[in-house]
Amino acid sequence: MPPELDSQHFDIENTDDKGLIDAAAGIRAIFEKLRSEMNSIAQRIDDAKSAWTQTRLDLEISKKIQTANQDIDSKRFDSPKDRIL
């Protein structure tokens, strides 16, 4: 993004200076709009990710996987050799 121009260094009555000031302001406005759009897209991506995470957790297959993992973990420590005396 072009830097904001310090108006004390320019004469807005001068055609060249005014052209530069206007061009820089126009580009800055475009960058600001793009930044706002990107923030909006980033929020939509975050919302979609959250929705997917919740949907995935609610799927029956996810519940079965979680139960299987818990069973594996509980059996891992049921063996007498794994017990601490």
N, C-alpha and C. Protein backbone atom coordinates (compact mmCIF):
# COMPACT_ATOMS: atom_id res chain seq x y z
N MET A 1 0.86 -1.16 0.00
CA MET A 1 0.00 0.00 0.00
C MET A 1 0.91 1.23 0.00
N PRO A 2 0.60 2.19 -0.86
CA PRO A 2 1.43 3.40 -0.85
C PRO A 2 1.23 4.16 0.46
N PRO A 3 2.28 4.80 0.91
CA PRO A 3 2.16 5.55 2.16
C PRO A 3 1.20 6.73 2.01
N GLU A 4 0.65 7.12 3.13
CA GLU A 4 -0.20 8.31 3.13
C GLU A 4 0.73 9.51 2.91
N LEU A 5 0.34 10.36 2.00
CA LEU A 5 1.19 11.51 1.66
C LEU A 5 0.95 12.66 2.63
N ASP A 6 2.04 13.27 3.04
CA ASP A 6 1.95 14.42 3.94
C ASP A 6 1.64 15.66 3.09
N SER A 7 0.46 16.20 3.27
CA SER A 7 0.00 17.31 2.42
C SER A 7 0.85 18.56 2.52
N GLN A 8 1.63 18.69 3.58
CA GLN A 8 2.46 19.90 3.71
C GLN A 8 3.56 19.95 2.65
N HIS A 9 3.85 18.80 2.04
CA HIS A 9 4.90 18.74 1.02
C HIS A 9 4.36 18.90 -0.39
N PHE A 10 3.08 19.09 -0.51
CA PHE A 10 2.46 19.17 -1.84
C PHE A 10 1.57 20.39 -1.96
N ASP A 11 1.43 20.84 -3.17
CA ASP A 11 0.56 21.98 -3.49
C ASP A 11 -0.64 21.42 -4.25
N ILE A 12 -1.80 21.38 -3.60
CA ILE A 12 -2.96 20.79 -4.25
C ILE A 12 -3.46 21.61 -5.44
N GLU A 13 -2.97 22.81 -5.56
CA GLU A 13 -3.30 23.63 -6.73
C GLU A 13 -2.44 23.24 -7.94
N ASN A 14 -1.33 22.57 -7.67
CA ASN A 14 -0.44 22.12 -8.73
C ASN A 14 -1.01 20.84 -9.33
N THR A 15 -1.15 20.80 -10.66
CA THR A 15 -1.76 19.66 -11.35
C THR A 15 -1.00 18.36 -11.09
N ASP A 16 0.33 18.41 -11.14
CA ASP A 16 1.12 17.20 -10.91
C ASP A 16 0.96 16.68 -9.48
N ASP A 17 1.03 17.60 -8.52
CA ASP A 17 0.88 17.21 -7.12
C ASP A 17 -0.52 16.64 -6.88
N LYS A 18 -1.53 17.29 -7.41
CA LYS A 18 -2.91 16.82 -7.22
C LYS A 18 -3.09 15.45 -7.85
N GLY A 19 -2.50 15.23 -9.02
CA GLY A 19 -2.59 13.92 -9.66
C GLY A 19 -1.98 12.82 -8.80
N LEU A 20 -0.82 13.12 -8.22
CA LEU A 20 -0.16 12.15 -7.35
C LEU A 20 -0.99 11.87 -6.10
N ILE A 21 -1.47 12.93 -5.47
CA ILE A 21 -2.29 12.78 -4.26
C ILE A 21 -3.54 11.96 -4.56
N ASP A 22 -4.21 12.27 -5.66
CA ASP A 22 -5.44 11.55 -6.02
C ASP A 22 -5.15 10.09 -6.35
N ALA A 23 -4.06 9.84 -7.08
CA ALA A 23 -3.71 8.47 -7.44
C ALA A 23 -3.39 7.65 -6.18
N ALA A 24 -2.62 8.22 -5.28
CA ALA A 24 -2.26 7.52 -4.04
C ALA A 24 -3.52 7.26 -3.20
N ALA A 25 -4.39 8.23 -3.12
CA ALA A 25 -5.63 8.05 -2.36
C ALA A 25 -6.51 6.97 -2.98
N GLY A 26 -6.56 6.93 -4.30
CA GLY A 26 -7.35 5.91 -4.99
C GLY A 26 -6.82 4.50 -4.73
N ILE A 27 -5.51 4.36 -4.81
CA ILE A 27 -4.89 3.05 -4.55
C ILE A 27 -5.10 2.65 -3.10
N ARG A 28 -4.95 3.59 -2.19
CA ARG A 28 -5.17 3.29 -0.77
C ARG A 28 -6.60 2.83 -0.53
N ALA A 29 -7.55 3.46 -1.19
CA ALA A 29 -8.96 3.06 -1.05
C ALA A 29 -9.18 1.64 -1.56
N ILE A 30 -8.53 1.30 -2.68
CA ILE A 30 -8.64 -0.06 -3.22
C ILE A 30 -8.06 -1.06 -2.23
N PHE A 31 -6.88 -0.76 -1.67
CA PHE A 31 -6.27 -1.65 -0.70
C PHE A 31 -7.15 -1.82 0.54
N GLU A 32 -7.75 -0.76 0.99
CA GLU A 32 -8.63 -0.84 2.16
C GLU A 32 -9.84 -1.73 1.86
N LYS A 33 -10.41 -1.59 0.68
CA LYS A 33 -11.55 -2.42 0.29
C LYS A 33 -11.14 -3.88 0.22
N LEU A 34 -9.98 -4.16 -0.38
CA LEU A 34 -9.49 -5.53 -0.47
C LEU A 34 -9.22 -6.12 0.91
N ARG A 35 -8.67 -5.32 1.80
CA ARG A 35 -8.41 -5.80 3.16
C ARG A 35 -9.71 -6.17 3.85
N SER A 36 -10.72 -5.35 3.68
CA SER A 36 -12.03 -5.63 4.27
C SER A 36 -12.62 -6.91 3.69
N GLU A 37 -12.50 -7.08 2.37
CA GLU A 37 -13.01 -8.29 1.72
C GLU A 37 -12.26 -9.54 2.21
N MET A 38 -10.95 -9.42 2.36
CA MET A 38 -10.16 -10.57 2.83
C MET A 38 -10.52 -10.92 4.27
N ASN A 39 -10.77 -9.92 5.11
CA ASN A 39 -11.19 -10.19 6.48
C ASN A 39 -12.53 -10.92 6.48
N SER A 40 -13.42 -10.50 5.60
CA SER A 40 -14.72 -11.15 5.50
C SER A 40 -14.58 -12.60 5.04
N ILE A 41 -13.72 -12.83 4.05
CA ILE A 41 -13.48 -14.19 3.56
C ILE A 41 -12.85 -15.04 4.66
N ALA A 42 -11.91 -14.48 5.38
CA ALA A 42 -11.27 -15.22 6.48
C ALA A 42 -12.31 -15.61 7.53
N GLN A 43 -13.23 -14.74 7.82
CA GLN A 43 -14.29 -15.05 8.80
C GLN A 43 -15.18 -16.16 8.27
N ARG A 44 -15.52 -16.11 6.99
CA ARG A 44 -16.35 -17.15 6.39
C ARG A 44 -15.63 -18.51 6.42
N ILE A 45 -14.33 -18.50 6.17
CA ILE A 45 -13.54 -19.74 6.23
C ILE A 45 -13.56 -20.28 7.66
N ASP A 46 -13.37 -19.42 8.64
CA ASP A 46 -13.38 -19.84 10.03
C ASP A 46 -14.75 -20.41 10.41
N ASP A 47 -15.81 -19.77 9.96
CA ASP A 47 -17.17 -20.26 10.24
C ASP A 47 -17.39 -21.63 9.61
N ALA A 48 -16.93 -21.80 8.37
CA ALA A 48 -17.09 -23.08 7.68
C ALA A 48 -16.30 -24.17 8.40
N LYS A 49 -15.09 -23.85 8.85
CA LYS A 49 -14.27 -24.82 9.58
C LYS A 49 -14.96 -25.24 10.87
N SER A 50 -15.51 -24.27 11.59
CA SER A 50 -16.21 -24.58 12.84
C SER A 50 -17.43 -25.46 12.58
N ALA A 51 -18.16 -25.13 11.53
CA ALA A 51 -19.35 -25.93 11.17
C ALA A 51 -18.94 -27.35 10.83
N TRP A 52 -17.85 -27.51 10.06
CA TRP A 52 -17.39 -28.85 9.70
C TRP A 52 -16.95 -29.62 10.94
N THR A 53 -16.23 -28.98 11.82
CA THR A 53 -15.76 -29.64 13.04
C THR A 53 -16.94 -30.16 13.84
N GLN A 54 -17.97 -29.34 14.01
CA GLN A 54 -19.14 -29.76 14.76
C GLN A 54 -19.90 -30.87 14.04
N THR A 55 -20.06 -30.73 12.74
CA THR A 55 -20.76 -31.76 11.95
C THR A 55 -20.01 -33.09 12.05
N ARG A 56 -18.71 -33.03 11.91
CA ARG A 56 -17.89 -34.25 11.96
C ARG A 56 -18.04 -34.95 13.30
N LEU A 57 -18.03 -34.18 14.39
CA LEU A 57 -18.16 -34.78 15.72
C LEU A 57 -19.52 -35.43 15.91
N ASP A 58 -20.53 -34.92 15.24
CA ASP A 58 -21.89 -35.44 15.37
C ASP A 58 -22.16 -36.65 14.48
N LEU A 59 -21.25 -36.95 13.56
CA LEU A 59 -21.45 -38.09 12.67
C LEU A 59 -21.33 -39.40 13.45
N GLU A 60 -22.16 -40.36 13.09
CA GLU A 60 -22.14 -41.66 13.77
C GLU A 60 -20.77 -42.33 13.66
N ILE A 61 -20.13 -42.23 12.51
CA ILE A 61 -18.82 -42.85 12.33
C ILE A 61 -17.79 -42.24 13.28
N SER A 62 -17.88 -40.94 13.53
CA SER A 62 -16.95 -40.29 14.46
C SER A 62 -17.16 -40.81 15.88
N LYS A 63 -18.41 -41.01 16.24
CA LYS A 63 -18.72 -41.54 17.58
C LYS A 63 -18.17 -42.96 17.72
N LYS A 64 -18.28 -43.76 16.67
CA LYS A 64 -17.75 -45.13 16.70
C LYS A 64 -16.23 -45.12 16.82
N ILE A 65 -15.59 -44.23 16.11
CA ILE A 65 -14.13 -44.12 16.19
C ILE A 65 -13.71 -43.72 17.60
N GLN A 66 -14.41 -42.76 18.16
CA GLN A 66 -14.08 -42.31 19.51
C GLN A 66 -14.26 -43.44 20.52
N THR A 67 -15.35 -44.19 20.39
CA THR A 67 -15.60 -45.32 21.28
C THR A 67 -14.50 -46.37 21.12
N ALA A 68 -14.14 -46.67 19.89
CA ALA A 68 -13.08 -47.66 19.64
C ALA A 68 -11.76 -47.20 20.25
N ASN A 69 -11.43 -45.95 20.09
CA ASN A 69 -10.19 -45.43 20.68
C ASN A 69 -10.21 -45.53 22.20
N GLN A 70 -11.36 -45.24 22.79
CA GLN A 70 -11.47 -45.35 24.24
C GLN A 70 -11.33 -46.80 24.69
N ASP A 71 -11.93 -47.72 23.93
CA ASP A 71 -11.79 -49.15 24.25
C ASP A 71 -10.34 -49.58 24.17
N ILE A 72 -9.66 -49.14 23.13
CA ILE A 72 -8.24 -49.49 22.98
C ILE A 72 -7.44 -48.95 24.15
N ASP A 73 -7.69 -47.69 24.50
CA ASP A 73 -6.96 -47.09 25.62
C ASP A 73 -7.24 -47.83 26.93
N SER A 74 -8.48 -48.21 27.17
CA SER A 74 -8.80 -48.88 28.43
C SER A 74 -8.20 -50.28 28.47
N LYS A 75 -8.15 -50.99 27.34
CA LYS A 75 -7.56 -52.33 27.31
C LYS A 75 -6.05 -52.27 27.43
N ARG A 76 -5.48 -51.20 26.99
CA ARG A 76 -4.04 -51.04 27.06
C ARG A 76 -3.56 -51.12 28.50
N PHE A 77 -4.35 -50.64 29.43
CA PHE A 77 -3.96 -50.60 30.83
C PHE A 77 -4.62 -51.69 31.67
N ASP A 78 -5.41 -52.58 31.02
CA ASP A 78 -6.05 -53.67 31.74
C ASP A 78 -5.12 -54.88 31.92
N SER A 79 -4.05 -54.91 31.16
CA SER A 79 -3.12 -56.02 31.24
C SER A 79 -2.40 -55.98 32.59
N PRO A 80 -2.27 -57.14 33.26
CA PRO A 80 -1.58 -57.15 34.57
C PRO A 80 -0.17 -56.60 34.52
N LYS A 81 0.52 -56.79 33.40
CA LYS A 81 1.90 -56.29 33.33
C LYS A 81 1.96 -54.77 33.31
N ASP A 82 0.83 -54.12 32.95
CA ASP A 82 0.81 -52.65 32.89
C ASP A 82 0.43 -52.02 34.23
N ARG A 83 0.00 -52.83 35.15
CA ARG A 83 -0.42 -52.29 36.44
C ARG A 83 0.80 -51.96 37.29
N ILE A 84 0.67 -50.89 38.01
CA ILE A 84 1.74 -50.51 38.93
C ILE A 84 1.41 -51.13 40.29
N LEU A 85 2.35 -51.82 40.85
CA LEU A 85 2.14 -52.49 42.15
C LEU A 85 2.32 -51.54 43.27
